[in-house]
Amino acid sequence: MVMWSLVVSMILTVLILLLTLLTIQKGYGYKHTIDPPVTKEEKQEEVEDDLR
């Protein structure tokens, strides 16, 4: 009985380790995007459009 629980524990540990490494790898592969900077002219046009 003790040997069986040791084997199951080792299998679960390895499975969790693999899932953790897979998650970390996917996180590093994620491409973040940002909006381009807004110029003063675009901001002024936006304010004027809001006032209309």
N, C-alpha and C. Protein backbone atom coordinates (compact mmCIF):
# COMPACT_ATOMS: atom_id res chain seq x y z
N MET A 1 0.83 -1.21 0.00
CA MET A 1 0.00 0.00 0.00
C MET A 1 0.87 1.26 0.00
N VAL A 2 1.95 1.26 0.77
CA VAL A 2 2.82 2.43 0.84
C VAL A 2 3.50 2.66 -0.51
N MET A 3 3.90 1.59 -1.17
CA MET A 3 4.57 1.72 -2.46
C MET A 3 3.62 2.31 -3.50
N TRP A 4 2.36 1.91 -3.47
CA TRP A 4 1.37 2.40 -4.41
C TRP A 4 1.18 3.91 -4.25
N SER A 5 1.06 4.38 -3.02
CA SER A 5 0.85 5.81 -2.79
C SER A 5 2.10 6.61 -3.16
N LEU A 6 3.28 6.02 -3.00
CA LEU A 6 4.53 6.69 -3.40
C LEU A 6 4.57 6.87 -4.92
N VAL A 7 4.17 5.86 -5.65
CA VAL A 7 4.17 5.93 -7.12
C VAL A 7 3.16 6.96 -7.60
N VAL A 8 1.96 6.96 -7.02
CA VAL A 8 0.94 7.93 -7.40
C VAL A 8 1.41 9.34 -7.08
N SER A 9 2.03 9.53 -5.95
CA SER A 9 2.54 10.86 -5.56
C SER A 9 3.61 11.34 -6.53
N MET A 10 4.50 10.46 -6.94
CA MET A 10 5.56 10.84 -7.88
C MET A 10 4.96 11.20 -9.25
N ILE A 11 3.97 10.44 -9.69
CA ILE A 11 3.34 10.72 -10.98
C ILE A 11 2.64 12.08 -10.92
N LEU A 12 1.92 12.36 -9.86
CA LEU A 12 1.25 13.65 -9.73
C LEU A 12 2.25 14.80 -9.66
N THR A 13 3.36 14.59 -8.98
CA THR A 13 4.39 15.63 -8.89
C THR A 13 4.97 15.95 -10.26
N VAL A 14 5.26 14.93 -11.04
CA VAL A 14 5.81 15.13 -12.38
C VAL A 14 4.78 15.80 -13.29
N LEU A 15 3.53 15.40 -13.17
CA LEU A 15 2.46 16.00 -13.97
C LEU A 15 2.31 17.49 -13.65
N ILE A 16 2.31 17.83 -12.40
CA ILE A 16 2.19 19.24 -12.00
C ILE A 16 3.40 20.04 -12.46
N LEU A 17 4.59 19.46 -12.37
CA LEU A 17 5.79 20.13 -12.85
C LEU A 17 5.71 20.41 -14.35
N LEU A 18 5.26 19.43 -15.12
CA LEU A 18 5.14 19.61 -16.57
C LEU A 18 4.10 20.67 -16.91
N LEU A 19 2.97 20.66 -16.22
CA LEU A 19 1.95 21.67 -16.47
C LEU A 19 2.44 23.07 -16.10
N THR A 20 3.21 23.17 -15.03
CA THR A 20 3.78 24.46 -14.63
C THR A 20 4.75 24.98 -15.69
N LEU A 21 5.61 24.12 -16.17
CA LEU A 21 6.57 24.54 -17.20
C LEU A 21 5.86 24.92 -18.49
N LEU A 22 4.81 24.21 -18.85
CA LEU A 22 4.04 24.54 -20.05
C LEU A 22 3.38 25.91 -19.91
N THR A 23 2.83 26.19 -18.74
CA THR A 23 2.19 27.47 -18.50
C THR A 23 3.20 28.61 -18.57
N ILE A 24 4.36 28.43 -17.98
CA ILE A 24 5.41 29.46 -18.03
C ILE A 24 5.85 29.69 -19.46
N GLN A 25 6.01 28.63 -20.23
CA GLN A 25 6.43 28.76 -21.61
C GLN A 25 5.39 29.54 -22.43
N LYS A 26 4.12 29.26 -22.22
CA LYS A 26 3.07 29.99 -22.94
C LYS A 26 3.07 31.47 -22.53
N GLY A 27 3.33 31.75 -21.26
CA GLY A 27 3.36 33.14 -20.79
C GLY A 27 4.48 33.93 -21.45
N TYR A 28 5.64 33.32 -21.61
CA TYR A 28 6.75 34.02 -22.25
C TYR A 28 6.51 34.19 -23.74
N GLY A 29 5.70 33.34 -24.34
CA GLY A 29 5.43 33.42 -25.77
C GLY A 29 4.33 34.40 -26.12
N TYR A 30 3.63 34.95 -25.12
CA TYR A 30 2.51 35.87 -25.37
C TYR A 30 3.03 37.19 -25.91
N LYS A 31 2.42 37.66 -26.99
CA LYS A 31 2.83 38.93 -27.62
C LYS A 31 1.95 40.05 -27.09
N HIS A 32 2.54 40.99 -26.37
CA HIS A 32 1.81 42.14 -25.86
C HIS A 32 1.78 43.22 -26.93
N THR A 33 0.65 43.89 -27.04
CA THR A 33 0.54 44.98 -28.00
C THR A 33 0.16 46.25 -27.25
N ILE A 34 0.59 47.37 -27.80
CA ILE A 34 0.25 48.66 -27.21
C ILE A 34 -0.32 49.55 -28.30
N ASP A 35 -1.14 50.50 -27.91
CA ASP A 35 -1.68 51.46 -28.86
C ASP A 35 -0.60 52.47 -29.22
N PRO A 36 -0.64 52.97 -30.45
CA PRO A 36 0.35 54.00 -30.82
C PRO A 36 0.10 55.27 -30.01
N PRO A 37 1.13 56.06 -29.79
CA PRO A 37 0.95 57.29 -29.01
C PRO A 37 0.01 58.27 -29.74
N VAL A 38 -0.77 58.98 -28.96
CA VAL A 38 -1.71 59.95 -29.51
C VAL A 38 -1.02 61.31 -29.60
N THR A 39 -1.11 61.92 -30.78
CA THR A 39 -0.50 63.24 -30.96
C THR A 39 -1.43 64.32 -30.42
N LYS A 40 -0.91 65.51 -30.25
CA LYS A 40 -1.71 66.62 -29.73
C LYS A 40 -2.86 66.95 -30.67
N GLU A 41 -2.60 66.88 -31.99
CA GLU A 41 -3.64 67.19 -32.96
C GLU A 41 -4.79 66.20 -32.86
N GLU A 42 -4.47 64.91 -32.73
CA GLU A 42 -5.51 63.89 -32.62
C GLU A 42 -6.31 64.08 -31.34
N LYS A 43 -5.63 64.43 -30.27
CA LYS A 43 -6.32 64.64 -29.00
C LYS A 43 -7.24 65.85 -29.09
N GLN A 44 -6.78 66.92 -29.75
CA GLN A 44 -7.59 68.13 -29.89
C GLN A 44 -8.83 67.81 -30.74
N GLU A 45 -8.66 67.04 -31.81
CA GLU A 45 -9.80 66.66 -32.65
C GLU A 45 -10.79 65.82 -31.85
N GLU A 46 -10.30 64.95 -31.01
CA GLU A 46 -11.17 64.12 -30.19
C GLU A 46 -11.97 64.96 -29.22
N VAL A 47 -11.35 65.96 -28.62
CA VAL A 47 -12.04 66.84 -27.68
C VAL A 47 -13.10 67.65 -28.43
N GLU A 48 -12.76 68.14 -29.61
CA GLU A 48 -13.72 68.91 -30.40
C GLU A 48 -14.91 68.04 -30.81
N ASP A 49 -14.66 66.80 -31.17
CA ASP A 49 -15.75 65.89 -31.55
C ASP A 49 -16.67 65.62 -30.35
N ASP A 50 -16.11 65.54 -29.15
CA ASP A 50 -16.92 65.32 -27.97
C ASP A 50 -17.80 66.51 -27.65
N LEU A 51 -17.33 67.70 -27.98
CA LEU A 51 -18.09 68.92 -27.70
C LEU A 51 -19.26 69.12 -28.69
N ARG A 52 -19.19 68.50 -29.84
CA ARG A 52 -20.25 68.67 -30.86
C ARG A 52 -21.45 67.85 -30.56
